[in-house]
């Protein structure tokens, strides 16, 4: 069969507008430098999600459905960032976790970027925490802590897992729900396409669920690491003495404690660092 002669017409341009010729954007202008704030991971989460709740008014959800669904994606993203900040800080504080993590790999790009500080955060940059399994697996592999069905955060992690299916549809499919997403969401089979539909009340539900998860895991991990500080760190750190005991506990305290909850009177048992330390050490 003879090859078809080359066409001289522009018939291939009949399907869409031509691609415009554009200059390469200066992408470094798409980011800005944040002013450093010494906040615990949970207070960073509270600060950012409070901003989302302030912007996500009933009118915003009613009038801007195409944009409002992205608040759910942002909510899941800030929850992920809590875990990334929490894990990187614990890796810096806990000597046993440092030993556990010493054989783990880090991406070269993370090491190059973070060489001037916060290298421990680079250990988790290539991880996705938009999955309960990934969170549970990371806590086990890096910190030797098991989260299972008997753990208080476990059911909340399963709920977060489902929320992340909505996030996946929003970010990767223009809000259209795929088969995997639909199965996780327990949606009945339907021949028609389905799209994520978030109103003000549903966003408030999702926000409360993420807050409950972060508070639950924050409390659970603080209990476990404080007991580890009391029982195991003395034998793992050379030169352990009273001054070092206080210093290491204060590091944990600053990493876990919510100054916002304290100021708002939301703590179930308000204690100072010294009072809490004494209660943990008491027989």
Protein backbone atom coordinates (compact mmCIF):
# COMPACT_ATOMS: atom_id res chain seq x y z
CA UNK A 1 0.00 0.00 0.00
CA UNK A 2 1.38 3.32 -1.06
CA UNK A 3 1.91 5.92 1.68
CA UNK A 4 -0.56 8.74 1.65
CA UNK A 5 0.93 11.93 0.19
CA UNK A 6 1.71 14.60 2.76
CA UNK A 7 -1.13 17.02 3.23
CA UNK A 8 -0.53 20.68 2.72
CA UNK A 9 -3.67 21.78 4.56
CA UNK A 10 -3.99 22.43 8.28
CA UNK A 11 -6.76 19.90 8.91
CA UNK A 12 -5.13 18.83 12.21
CA UNK A 13 -5.82 22.29 13.62
CA UNK A 14 -9.56 21.79 13.41
CA UNK A 15 -10.00 20.24 16.88
CA UNK A 16 -9.02 23.05 19.25
CA UNK A 17 -7.48 26.49 19.50
CA UNK A 18 -3.73 26.75 18.87
CA UNK A 19 -1.35 26.56 21.80
CA UNK A 20 -0.26 30.07 22.64
CA UNK A 21 3.38 30.98 22.65
CA UNK A 22 4.16 31.99 26.22
CA UNK A 23 7.29 32.93 28.06
CA UNK A 24 8.52 30.48 30.68
CA UNK A 25 7.14 31.73 34.00
CA UNK A 26 9.55 32.70 36.77
CA UNK A 27 8.29 30.00 39.09
CA UNK A 28 10.36 31.17 42.04
CA UNK A 29 7.96 34.13 42.18
CA UNK A 30 5.11 31.70 42.92
CA UNK A 31 6.41 31.17 46.47
CA UNK A 32 7.19 33.44 49.40
CA UNK A 33 9.32 33.14 52.51
CA UNK A 34 7.40 32.50 55.71
CA UNK A 35 8.24 34.33 58.90
CA UNK A 36 9.45 31.80 61.46
CA UNK A 37 7.13 31.06 64.37
CA UNK A 38 8.05 28.71 67.18
CA UNK A 39 4.79 26.76 67.28
CA UNK A 40 4.15 23.12 68.05
CA UNK A 41 2.85 20.99 65.16
CA UNK A 42 -0.63 20.91 66.66
CA UNK A 43 -0.75 24.70 67.01
CA UNK A 44 0.36 25.09 63.39
CA UNK A 45 -2.54 22.81 62.45
CA UNK A 46 -4.97 24.84 64.57
CA UNK A 47 -3.75 28.12 63.09
CA UNK A 48 -4.07 27.01 59.47
CA UNK A 49 -7.40 25.21 59.80
CA UNK A 50 -8.83 28.18 61.69
CA UNK A 51 -8.04 30.29 58.63
CA UNK A 52 -9.85 27.79 56.42
CA UNK A 53 -12.91 27.85 58.66
CA UNK A 54 -12.93 31.66 58.64
CA UNK A 55 -12.90 31.73 54.83
CA UNK A 56 -15.32 28.84 54.38
CA UNK A 57 -18.51 30.72 55.18
CA UNK A 58 -21.98 29.38 54.24
CA UNK A 59 -22.18 32.02 51.49
CA UNK A 60 -18.82 30.99 50.06
CA UNK A 61 -19.90 27.36 49.76
CA UNK A 62 -23.25 28.36 48.28
CA UNK A 63 -21.87 30.82 45.73
CA UNK A 64 -18.51 29.26 44.80
CA UNK A 65 -18.93 25.45 44.66
CA UNK A 66 -16.06 25.08 42.16
CA UNK A 67 -13.64 26.74 44.58
CA UNK A 68 -15.09 25.67 47.92
CA UNK A 69 -14.32 21.99 47.37
CA UNK A 70 -10.62 22.90 47.45
CA UNK A 71 -11.00 23.83 51.11
CA UNK A 72 -11.44 20.11 51.77
CA UNK A 73 -8.21 19.39 49.90
CA UNK A 74 -6.47 22.10 51.96
CA UNK A 75 -7.88 20.62 55.17
CA UNK A 76 -6.45 17.21 54.31
CA UNK A 77 -3.15 18.85 53.34
CA UNK A 78 -2.80 20.63 56.70
CA UNK A 79 -3.56 17.36 58.47
CA UNK A 80 -0.82 15.68 56.44
CA UNK A 81 1.55 18.50 57.36
CA UNK A 82 0.82 17.93 61.06
CA UNK A 83 2.10 14.38 60.72
CA UNK A 84 5.15 15.46 58.74
CA UNK A 85 6.04 18.14 61.30
CA UNK A 86 5.35 15.83 64.24
CA UNK A 87 7.46 12.99 62.86
CA UNK A 88 10.41 15.17 61.87
CA UNK A 89 10.50 16.79 65.31
CA UNK A 90 10.33 13.44 67.09
CA UNK A 91 13.19 12.17 64.98
CA UNK A 92 15.27 15.06 66.22
CA UNK A 93 14.31 14.54 69.88
CA UNK A 94 14.12 10.77 70.45
CA UNK A 95 17.46 8.86 70.55
CA UNK A 96 15.75 5.50 70.09
CA UNK A 97 13.93 6.73 66.99
CA UNK A 98 17.22 8.00 65.57
CA UNK A 99 18.66 4.50 65.88
CA UNK A 100 15.51 3.00 64.35
CA UNK A 101 15.60 5.44 61.42
CA UNK A 102 19.34 5.31 60.81
CA UNK A 103 19.04 2.65 58.10
CA UNK A 104 16.26 4.48 56.22
CA UNK A 105 16.94 6.26 52.94
CA UNK A 106 16.52 9.94 52.17
CA UNK A 107 16.11 11.47 48.73
CA UNK A 108 19.25 13.33 47.62
CA UNK A 109 17.22 16.40 46.69
CA UNK A 110 15.91 16.65 50.25
CA UNK A 111 19.43 16.33 51.68
CA UNK A 112 20.77 19.05 49.37
CA UNK A 113 17.89 21.45 50.08
CA UNK A 114 17.86 20.94 53.86
CA UNK A 115 21.62 20.94 54.37
CA UNK A 116 21.38 24.34 56.07
CA UNK A 117 18.84 23.12 58.63
CA UNK A 118 15.77 20.95 59.25
CA UNK A 119 17.41 17.94 57.65
CA UNK A 120 15.12 15.64 59.66
CA UNK A 121 12.09 17.04 57.80
CA UNK A 122 13.61 15.85 54.55
CA UNK A 123 13.30 12.28 55.81
CA UNK A 124 9.53 12.46 55.24
CA UNK A 125 9.27 14.72 52.21
CA UNK A 126 8.77 11.86 49.77
CA UNK A 127 6.08 10.28 51.96
CA UNK A 128 2.36 10.75 51.43
CA UNK A 129 0.33 10.90 54.62
CA UNK A 130 -2.98 11.02 52.77
CA UNK A 131 -3.54 7.42 53.84
CA UNK A 132 -4.15 5.77 57.20
CA UNK A 133 -1.92 2.84 56.21
CA UNK A 134 1.01 5.14 55.40
CA UNK A 135 0.67 7.00 58.70
CA UNK A 136 0.44 3.79 60.74
CA UNK A 137 3.34 2.23 58.83
CA UNK A 138 5.57 5.28 59.31
CA UNK A 139 4.88 5.41 63.06
CA UNK A 140 5.85 1.75 63.28
CA UNK A 141 8.92 1.79 61.01
CA UNK A 142 10.48 5.00 62.31
CA UNK A 143 9.33 5.11 65.93
CA UNK A 144 8.59 1.48 66.82
CA UNK A 145 5.04 2.33 67.89
CA UNK A 146 2.05 0.26 66.81
CA UNK A 147 -1.31 1.84 66.11
CA UNK A 148 -4.00 -0.84 65.87
CA UNK A 149 -7.74 -1.33 66.38
CA UNK A 150 -7.31 -0.94 70.14
CA UNK A 151 -5.66 2.48 69.81
CA UNK A 152 -7.80 5.58 70.31
CA UNK A 153 -6.71 7.28 67.04
CA UNK A 154 -7.41 4.21 64.90
CA UNK A 155 -11.09 4.86 63.97
CA UNK A 156 -10.30 8.51 63.29
CA UNK A 157 -7.47 7.47 60.98
CA UNK A 158 -9.95 5.32 59.04
CA UNK A 159 -12.24 8.33 58.68
CA UNK A 160 -9.33 10.45 57.49
CA UNK A 161 -8.54 7.74 54.95
CA UNK A 162 -12.00 8.20 53.45
CA UNK A 163 -11.67 11.98 53.43
CA UNK A 164 -8.44 11.58 51.47
CA UNK A 165 -10.41 9.78 48.76
CA UNK A 166 -12.40 12.99 48.32
CA UNK A 167 -9.14 14.93 48.26
CA UNK A 168 -7.81 12.60 45.56
CA UNK A 169 -10.88 13.20 43.40
CA UNK A 170 -10.63 16.98 43.90
CA UNK A 171 -6.90 17.24 43.15
CA UNK A 172 -6.46 14.60 40.46
CA UNK A 173 -9.83 14.24 38.71
CA UNK A 174 -11.39 17.69 38.70
CA UNK A 175 -13.72 16.57 41.48
CA UNK A 176 -14.96 13.51 39.59
CA UNK A 177 -15.18 10.40 41.78
CA UNK A 178 -13.28 7.42 40.38
CA UNK A 179 -13.99 3.74 41.01
CA UNK A 180 -11.44 3.40 43.82
CA UNK A 181 -12.72 6.57 45.46
CA UNK A 182 -16.32 5.38 45.17
CA UNK A 183 -15.56 2.01 46.78
CA UNK A 184 -13.81 3.63 49.73
CA UNK A 185 -16.71 6.08 50.07
CA UNK A 186 -19.15 3.14 49.96
CA UNK A 187 -21.16 4.70 47.14
CA UNK A 188 -23.69 2.51 45.34
CA UNK A 189 -22.84 1.76 41.73
CA UNK A 190 -24.22 4.29 39.29
CA UNK A 191 -23.93 4.61 35.53
CA UNK A 192 -23.74 8.39 35.78
CA UNK A 193 -20.61 10.30 36.71
CA UNK A 194 -20.40 11.62 40.26
CA UNK A 195 -18.67 14.74 41.49
CA UNK A 196 -17.56 15.83 44.94
CA UNK A 197 -20.23 18.06 46.45
CA UNK A 198 -19.26 19.84 49.67
CA UNK A 199 -21.54 22.30 51.42
CA UNK A 200 -20.86 24.29 54.59
CA UNK A 201 -22.19 21.61 56.96
CA UNK A 202 -20.15 18.84 55.35
CA UNK A 203 -17.01 20.95 55.50
CA UNK A 204 -17.61 21.57 59.20
CA UNK A 205 -17.96 17.81 59.74
CA UNK A 206 -14.70 17.15 57.92
CA UNK A 207 -12.93 19.90 59.88
CA UNK A 208 -14.12 18.50 63.21
CA UNK A 209 -13.01 15.01 62.20
CA UNK A 210 -9.49 16.17 61.26
CA UNK A 211 -9.21 18.15 64.48
CA UNK A 212 -10.31 15.14 66.51
CA UNK A 213 -7.71 12.98 64.73
CA UNK A 214 -4.86 15.43 65.34
CA UNK A 215 -5.81 15.87 69.02
CA UNK A 216 -6.14 12.11 69.53
CA UNK A 217 -2.82 11.20 67.91
CA UNK A 218 -1.09 14.11 69.66
CA UNK A 219 -2.28 12.86 73.06
CA UNK A 220 -1.48 9.23 72.29
CA UNK A 221 2.04 9.91 71.02
CA UNK A 222 2.80 12.25 73.93
CA UNK A 223 1.86 9.50 76.41
CA UNK A 224 4.04 6.95 74.62
CA UNK A 225 7.07 9.18 74.21
CA UNK A 226 6.84 10.52 77.76
CA UNK A 227 6.84 6.95 79.07
CA UNK A 228 9.78 6.20 76.79
CA UNK A 229 11.58 9.29 78.18
CA UNK A 230 11.02 7.98 81.69
CA UNK A 231 11.80 4.31 81.12
CA UNK A 232 14.20 3.98 78.17
CA UNK A 233 16.02 7.21 77.44
CA UNK A 234 18.14 7.10 80.61
CA UNK A 235 19.84 3.97 79.31
CA UNK A 236 20.12 5.25 75.74
CA UNK A 237 21.79 8.63 76.33
CA UNK A 238 25.31 8.86 77.75
CA UNK A 239 25.72 11.12 80.74
CA UNK A 240 22.04 11.04 81.69
CA UNK A 241 21.44 13.23 84.73
CA UNK A 242 18.71 15.41 86.24
CA UNK A 243 19.53 18.42 84.07
CA UNK A 244 19.45 16.35 80.88
CA UNK A 245 16.25 14.67 82.04
CA UNK A 246 14.56 18.07 82.36
CA UNK A 247 15.98 19.32 79.07
CA UNK A 248 14.78 16.31 77.08
CA UNK A 249 11.35 16.40 78.67
CA UNK A 250 11.02 20.09 77.91
CA UNK A 251 11.76 19.33 74.27
CA UNK A 252 8.91 16.83 74.21
CA UNK A 253 6.64 19.25 76.06
CA UNK A 254 7.24 22.08 73.58
CA UNK A 255 6.75 19.72 70.64
CA UNK A 256 3.39 18.35 71.82
CA UNK A 257 1.81 21.09 73.90
CA UNK A 258 -0.86 23.35 72.44
CA UNK A 259 -0.46 26.88 73.77
CA UNK A 260 -3.71 27.72 71.99
CA UNK A 261 -5.71 25.11 73.88
CA UNK A 262 -4.10 26.22 77.12
CA UNK A 263 -5.00 29.87 76.51
CA UNK A 264 -8.56 28.92 75.55
CA UNK A 265 -9.05 26.79 78.67
CA UNK A 266 -9.59 23.62 76.66
CA UNK A 267 -7.09 21.37 78.46
CA UNK A 268 -8.69 18.55 80.46
CA UNK A 269 -5.88 18.70 83.01
CA UNK A 270 -3.93 21.97 82.94
CA UNK A 271 -0.35 21.37 84.13
CA UNK A 272 2.96 23.13 83.78
CA UNK A 273 5.86 21.22 82.29
CA UNK A 274 7.35 20.71 85.75
CA UNK A 275 4.06 19.45 87.20
CA UNK A 276 3.54 17.04 84.33
CA UNK A 277 7.12 15.78 84.61
CA UNK A 278 6.69 15.08 88.31
CA UNK A 279 3.43 13.18 87.74
CA UNK A 280 5.07 10.96 85.08
CA UNK A 281 7.98 10.19 87.42
CA UNK A 282 5.84 9.60 90.50
CA UNK A 283 5.54 5.92 91.59
